[in-house]
Amino acid sequence: MTTHPQSTVSALITTYRGESPNHLVASLQSLKNQSLPLDQIVLVIDGPIDPAQQDVINRFAGEVGGPTHTVIAMPENGGLAKALNHGLAACTGDYIMRMDSDDISLPDRLQLEKTYLDTHSEIDLVASWSSEFVDEDHDLRLKTSPTEHEAIVQALRWRNVIAHPTILIRKSVLLSLGGYRESVGLLEDYDLYVRLILAGAKIHIIPKVLLRVRTTLEQRARRGNLAYFKNEFRFRLHCLRVGFLNTRQFLLTTCLYGFFRLIGTPLRDRLYAAVRS
């Protein structure tokens, strides 16, 4: 196996006006606390934010030492995919480490993920298991997934099993695909994995929790409405057309997710917990 110990990493993170300053502090601090230091943090501000968030960003960006901070302020909120593409253009690292502005990376996350990519040249994207939490002192549930490429591909035909904020991806591969597609609604991560697979890229998931994902009732409610289902239907129809899904898989997933998206939030939460554990 070829090793690349001199490879560099850019963390790509976005924030917007709805983010809590305290959550952003916890997220940025978790990047600062990595056992293997980052080379660069690229933070995209997706539209106007409040002064409290801006103060947090200014404080972290102004710290002496540590990774280089690149802050990009977009004049209007354009959505996650657009913000990520703006940030990607400013990333200087060989690898891109995704992160959300309210999640917490465990201290050994970068060390384990970078070491894996450095020593497995055949792998283009590495991710990990994660846990969900509301209270920072307690995790609600563990989110596991298959770990090897072929099993991941089979699972992705039925549902998205890769937690987007856990990924570390080779920048050259992400750029070769043109970055994130901005026309798939809230499914830019799922769409990315499908395009990677169709392009012949290989994926591995480390079977260890390396990220804590903050969740809220509002976020869970967004998983269940007609608009979300319609967007998901269009995406799965695209997957059928490009050959990622066969007709049976398309019909079954459309029916199952139609029911899943349109039932009440409490029942959907119980079903979600059952399939993700």
Protein backbone atom coordinates (compact mmCIF):
# COMPACT_ATOMS: atom_id res chain seq x y z
CA MET A 1 0.00 0.00 0.00
CA THR A 2 1.24 3.48 -0.89
CA THR A 3 1.52 5.92 1.98
CA HIS A 4 1.18 9.71 1.83
CA PRO A 5 2.27 10.99 5.23
CA GLN A 6 2.76 14.53 3.89
CA SER A 7 -0.84 14.91 2.74
CA THR A 8 -2.70 17.96 4.04
CA VAL A 9 -6.28 18.37 5.24
CA SER A 10 -8.80 21.19 4.94
CA ALA A 11 -11.89 21.09 7.15
CA LEU A 12 -14.92 22.43 5.27
CA ILE A 13 -17.70 23.80 7.45
CA THR A 14 -20.66 26.11 6.83
CA THR A 15 -22.86 28.15 9.12
CA TYR A 16 -25.99 30.27 8.70
CA ARG A 17 -28.14 32.68 10.70
CA GLY A 18 -30.14 29.92 12.40
CA GLU A 19 -27.07 28.45 14.12
CA SER A 20 -26.48 28.86 17.84
CA PRO A 21 -23.21 30.64 18.71
CA ASN A 22 -22.64 28.13 21.52
CA HIS A 23 -23.05 25.21 19.13
CA LEU A 24 -20.61 26.80 16.71
CA VAL A 25 -18.09 27.24 19.53
CA ALA A 26 -18.35 23.53 20.44
CA SER A 27 -17.93 22.51 16.80
CA LEU A 28 -14.90 24.70 16.13
CA GLN A 29 -13.34 23.74 19.45
CA SER A 30 -13.64 20.06 18.54
CA LEU A 31 -11.64 20.77 15.38
CA LYS A 32 -9.04 22.63 17.39
CA ASN A 33 -8.79 19.67 19.81
CA GLN A 34 -7.91 17.07 17.17
CA SER A 35 -4.97 14.86 18.16
CA LEU A 36 -3.65 15.34 14.62
CA PRO A 37 -3.69 19.07 13.81
CA LEU A 38 -5.60 20.32 10.79
CA ASP A 39 -3.81 22.35 8.12
CA GLN A 40 -6.76 24.59 7.23
CA ILE A 41 -10.31 25.39 8.33
CA VAL A 42 -12.54 26.84 5.62
CA LEU A 43 -15.69 28.35 7.12
CA VAL A 44 -18.44 29.52 4.76
CA ILE A 45 -20.99 31.96 6.18
CA ASP A 46 -24.14 31.20 4.18
CA GLY A 47 -25.83 34.59 4.21
CA PRO A 48 -26.07 37.24 6.96
CA ILE A 49 -25.58 36.07 10.55
CA ASP A 50 -26.05 37.68 13.97
CA PRO A 51 -23.22 39.55 15.74
CA ALA A 52 -22.80 36.79 18.35
CA GLN A 53 -21.91 34.22 15.68
CA GLN A 54 -19.64 36.70 13.95
CA ASP A 55 -17.81 37.28 17.23
CA VAL A 56 -17.21 33.52 17.58
CA ILE A 57 -15.83 33.31 14.05
CA ASN A 58 -13.59 36.34 14.54
CA ARG A 59 -12.23 34.94 17.80
CA PHE A 60 -11.31 31.54 16.34
CA ALA A 61 -9.94 33.04 13.13
CA GLY A 62 -7.79 35.45 15.10
CA GLU A 63 -6.09 32.85 17.27
CA VAL A 64 -2.34 32.56 16.87
CA GLY A 65 -1.03 29.15 15.82
CA GLY A 66 -3.04 26.15 14.74
CA PRO A 67 -4.63 25.72 11.31
CA THR A 68 -5.03 28.50 8.78
CA HIS A 69 -8.55 29.97 8.90
CA THR A 70 -10.25 30.95 5.65
CA VAL A 71 -13.61 32.68 6.12
CA ILE A 72 -15.94 33.17 3.15
CA ALA A 73 -19.04 35.33 3.59
CA MET A 74 -21.83 34.81 1.05
CA PRO A 75 -24.15 37.84 0.69
CA GLU A 76 -27.30 35.69 0.59
CA ASN A 77 -28.27 32.25 1.88
CA GLY A 78 -27.85 29.86 -1.02
CA GLY A 79 -28.20 26.50 0.69
CA LEU A 80 -25.69 23.91 1.81
CA ALA A 81 -24.55 22.62 -1.59
CA LYS A 82 -23.83 26.09 -2.93
CA ALA A 83 -22.01 27.08 0.26
CA LEU A 84 -19.90 23.90 0.14
CA ASN A 85 -18.91 24.54 -3.46
CA HIS A 86 -17.80 28.07 -2.57
CA GLY A 87 -15.76 26.68 0.29
CA LEU A 88 -14.31 23.85 -1.78
CA ALA A 89 -12.77 26.38 -4.16
CA ALA A 90 -10.80 27.83 -1.24
CA CYS A 91 -9.59 24.52 0.21
CA THR A 92 -5.86 23.96 -0.17
CA GLY A 93 -5.62 20.49 1.40
CA ASP A 94 -5.21 17.18 -0.38
CA TYR A 95 -8.13 15.85 1.66
CA ILE A 96 -11.44 17.53 2.53
CA MET A 97 -12.84 16.87 6.00
CA ARG A 98 -16.54 17.69 6.22
CA MET A 99 -18.03 19.06 9.39
CA ASP A 100 -21.30 20.71 10.41
CA SER A 101 -21.47 23.82 12.56
CA ASP A 102 -23.33 22.15 15.41
CA ASP A 103 -21.64 18.72 15.54
CA ILE A 104 -18.66 17.59 17.59
CA SER A 105 -15.71 15.64 16.19
CA LEU A 106 -14.03 13.30 18.66
CA PRO A 107 -10.32 14.04 19.22
CA ASP A 108 -9.04 11.02 17.27
CA ARG A 109 -11.30 11.48 14.25
CA LEU A 110 -8.81 13.11 11.90
CA GLN A 111 -5.94 10.88 13.03
CA LEU A 112 -7.86 7.70 12.23
CA GLU A 113 -9.47 8.87 9.00
CA LYS A 114 -6.33 10.46 7.55
CA THR A 115 -4.19 7.47 8.46
CA TYR A 116 -6.67 5.24 6.64
CA LEU A 117 -6.59 7.32 3.44
CA ASP A 118 -2.81 7.70 3.66
CA THR A 119 -2.35 3.91 3.78
CA HIS A 120 -5.16 2.84 1.42
CA SER A 121 -4.60 4.49 -1.94
CA GLU A 122 -7.51 2.51 -3.41
CA ILE A 123 -10.00 4.28 -1.14
CA ASP A 124 -11.35 7.70 -2.17
CA LEU A 125 -13.68 8.48 0.72
CA VAL A 126 -13.55 7.33 4.33
CA ALA A 127 -16.28 7.96 6.90
CA SER A 128 -17.19 6.65 10.34
CA TRP A 129 -20.04 5.70 12.60
CA SER A 130 -21.65 8.50 14.58
CA SER A 131 -23.98 9.13 17.50
CA GLU A 132 -26.90 11.52 17.85
CA PHE A 133 -27.40 13.80 20.83
CA VAL A 134 -29.54 16.65 22.09
CA ASP A 135 -27.89 17.07 25.48
CA GLU A 136 -24.11 17.21 25.06
CA ASP A 137 -23.68 14.97 28.12
CA HIS A 138 -25.78 12.09 26.74
CA ASP A 139 -26.06 10.34 23.36
CA LEU A 140 -29.50 9.31 22.11
CA ARG A 141 -28.57 6.61 19.64
CA LEU A 142 -25.68 5.06 17.78
CA LYS A 143 -25.76 5.25 13.98
CA THR A 144 -23.94 2.31 12.45
CA SER A 145 -23.48 1.14 8.87
CA PRO A 146 -21.64 -1.44 6.78
CA THR A 147 -17.90 -0.83 6.57
CA GLU A 148 -16.69 -2.39 3.30
CA HIS A 149 -17.29 -0.89 -0.13
CA GLU A 150 -19.55 -3.50 -1.69
CA ALA A 151 -21.78 -3.72 1.39
CA ILE A 152 -21.96 0.09 1.53
CA VAL A 153 -23.05 0.22 -2.12
CA GLN A 154 -25.80 -2.33 -1.55
CA ALA A 155 -27.05 -0.45 1.52
CA LEU A 156 -27.03 2.88 -0.35
CA ARG A 157 -29.51 1.48 -2.85
CA TRP A 158 -32.06 1.46 -0.01
CA ARG A 159 -31.06 4.37 2.22
CA ASN A 160 -28.26 6.79 2.92
CA VAL A 161 -25.95 5.03 5.39
CA ILE A 162 -23.07 7.54 5.31
CA ALA A 163 -23.17 10.43 7.78
CA HIS A 164 -22.04 13.37 5.68
CA PRO A 165 -20.25 15.28 8.49
CA THR A 166 -18.02 12.22 9.13
CA ILE A 167 -16.43 12.03 5.69
CA LEU A 168 -12.83 12.63 4.66
CA ILE A 169 -12.50 12.66 0.87
CA ARG A 170 -9.68 13.16 -1.59
CA LYS A 171 -10.10 16.68 -2.99
CA SER A 172 -9.02 15.60 -6.47
CA VAL A 173 -11.88 13.10 -6.60
CA LEU A 174 -14.45 15.58 -5.36
CA LEU A 175 -13.29 18.17 -7.89
CA SER A 176 -13.37 15.62 -10.70
CA LEU A 177 -17.12 15.28 -10.09
CA GLY A 178 -17.64 19.04 -10.13
CA GLY A 179 -18.22 19.26 -6.38
CA TYR A 180 -21.76 19.09 -5.02
CA ARG A 181 -24.84 19.26 -7.22
CA GLU A 182 -27.02 22.22 -6.21
CA SER A 183 -30.22 20.94 -7.82
CA VAL A 184 -31.04 17.99 -5.53
CA GLY A 185 -32.54 19.80 -2.56
CA LEU A 186 -31.39 18.45 0.78
CA LEU A 187 -29.88 15.32 -0.77
CA GLU A 188 -26.54 16.71 -1.93
CA ASP A 189 -24.64 14.18 0.20
CA TYR A 190 -26.61 11.12 -0.98
CA ASP A 191 -26.25 12.35 -4.56
CA LEU A 192 -22.49 12.70 -4.08
CA TYR A 193 -22.13 9.09 -2.93
CA VAL A 194 -24.12 7.80 -5.90
CA ARG A 195 -22.00 9.81 -8.33
CA LEU A 196 -18.81 8.60 -6.65
CA ILE A 197 -19.86 4.97 -6.97
CA LEU A 198 -20.92 5.35 -10.60
CA ALA A 199 -17.52 6.95 -11.32
CA GLY A 200 -15.73 3.94 -9.83
CA ALA A 201 -14.66 5.51 -6.52
CA LYS A 202 -14.22 3.31 -3.44
CA ILE A 203 -15.64 3.99 0.03
CA HIS A 204 -14.76 2.69 3.48
CA ILE A 205 -16.44 3.33 6.83
CA ILE A 206 -14.49 3.02 10.07
CA PRO A 207 -16.60 1.05 12.61
CA LYS A 208 -16.12 3.52 15.42
CA VAL A 209 -18.00 6.62 16.55
CA LEU A 210 -15.83 9.57 15.52
CA LEU A 211 -18.53 12.25 15.39
CA ARG A 212 -21.41 13.30 17.62
CA VAL A 213 -24.32 14.66 15.57
CA ARG A 214 -26.56 17.23 17.23
CA THR A 215 -30.25 16.66 16.53
CA THR A 216 -33.39 18.66 17.28
CA LEU A 217 -37.14 18.13 17.02
CA GLU A 218 -37.20 20.63 14.16
CA GLN A 219 -34.62 18.65 12.20
CA ARG A 220 -36.51 15.41 12.72
CA ALA A 221 -39.76 17.05 11.64
CA ARG A 222 -38.12 18.17 8.37
CA ARG A 223 -37.69 14.50 7.43
CA GLY A 224 -41.45 14.15 7.11
CA ASN A 225 -43.40 16.34 4.72
CA LEU A 226 -44.74 16.20 1.20
CA ALA A 227 -42.12 18.54 -0.25
CA TYR A 228 -39.30 16.37 1.13
CA PHE A 229 -40.92 13.24 -0.29
CA LYS A 230 -41.36 14.83 -3.73
CA ASN A 231 -37.70 15.82 -3.80
CA GLU A 232 -36.69 12.34 -2.66
CA PHE A 233 -38.90 10.81 -5.38
CA ARG A 234 -37.18 12.91 -8.06
CA PHE A 235 -33.79 11.86 -6.73
CA ARG A 236 -34.66 8.15 -6.74
CA LEU A 237 -36.09 8.49 -10.24
CA HIS A 238 -32.74 9.96 -11.29
CA CYS A 239 -30.98 7.00 -9.64
CA LEU A 240 -33.18 4.66 -11.67
CA ARG A 241 -32.38 6.48 -14.90
CA VAL A 242 -28.61 6.41 -14.35
CA GLY A 243 -28.66 2.74 -13.40
CA PHE A 244 -27.91 2.95 -9.69
CA LEU A 245 -31.36 1.51 -8.84
CA ASN A 246 -33.26 -1.18 -10.68
CA THR A 247 -37.04 -1.00 -11.14
CA ARG A 248 -37.78 -3.21 -8.14
CA GLN A 249 -35.55 -1.17 -5.85
CA PHE A 250 -37.06 2.08 -7.12
CA LEU A 251 -40.64 0.94 -6.55
CA LEU A 252 -39.98 -0.54 -3.11
CA THR A 253 -38.01 2.43 -1.81
CA THR A 254 -40.54 4.90 -3.20
CA CYS A 255 -43.42 3.13 -1.43
CA LEU A 256 -41.54 2.61 1.83
CA TYR A 257 -40.22 6.15 2.01
CA GLY A 258 -43.56 7.62 0.97
CA PHE A 259 -45.06 6.00 4.08
CA PHE A 260 -42.04 6.94 6.21
CA ARG A 261 -42.06 10.62 5.24
CA LEU A 262 -45.78 11.17 5.62
CA ILE A 263 -46.50 9.49 8.97
CA GLY A 264 -46.39 11.43 12.24
CA THR A 265 -43.07 12.48 13.73
CA PRO A 266 -43.20 10.27 16.89
CA LEU A 267 -43.72 7.06 14.89
CA ARG A 268 -41.17 8.14 12.29
CA ASP A 269 -38.62 8.72 15.07
CA ARG A 270 -39.14 5.20 16.39
CA LEU A 271 -38.79 3.68 12.93
CA TYR A 272 -35.74 5.83 12.20
CA ALA A 273 -34.07 4.66 15.39
CA ALA A 274 -34.83 1.04 14.53
CA VAL A 275 -33.28 1.13 11.06
CA ARG A 276 -30.24 3.23 12.01
CA SER A 277 -29.16 1.19 15.04
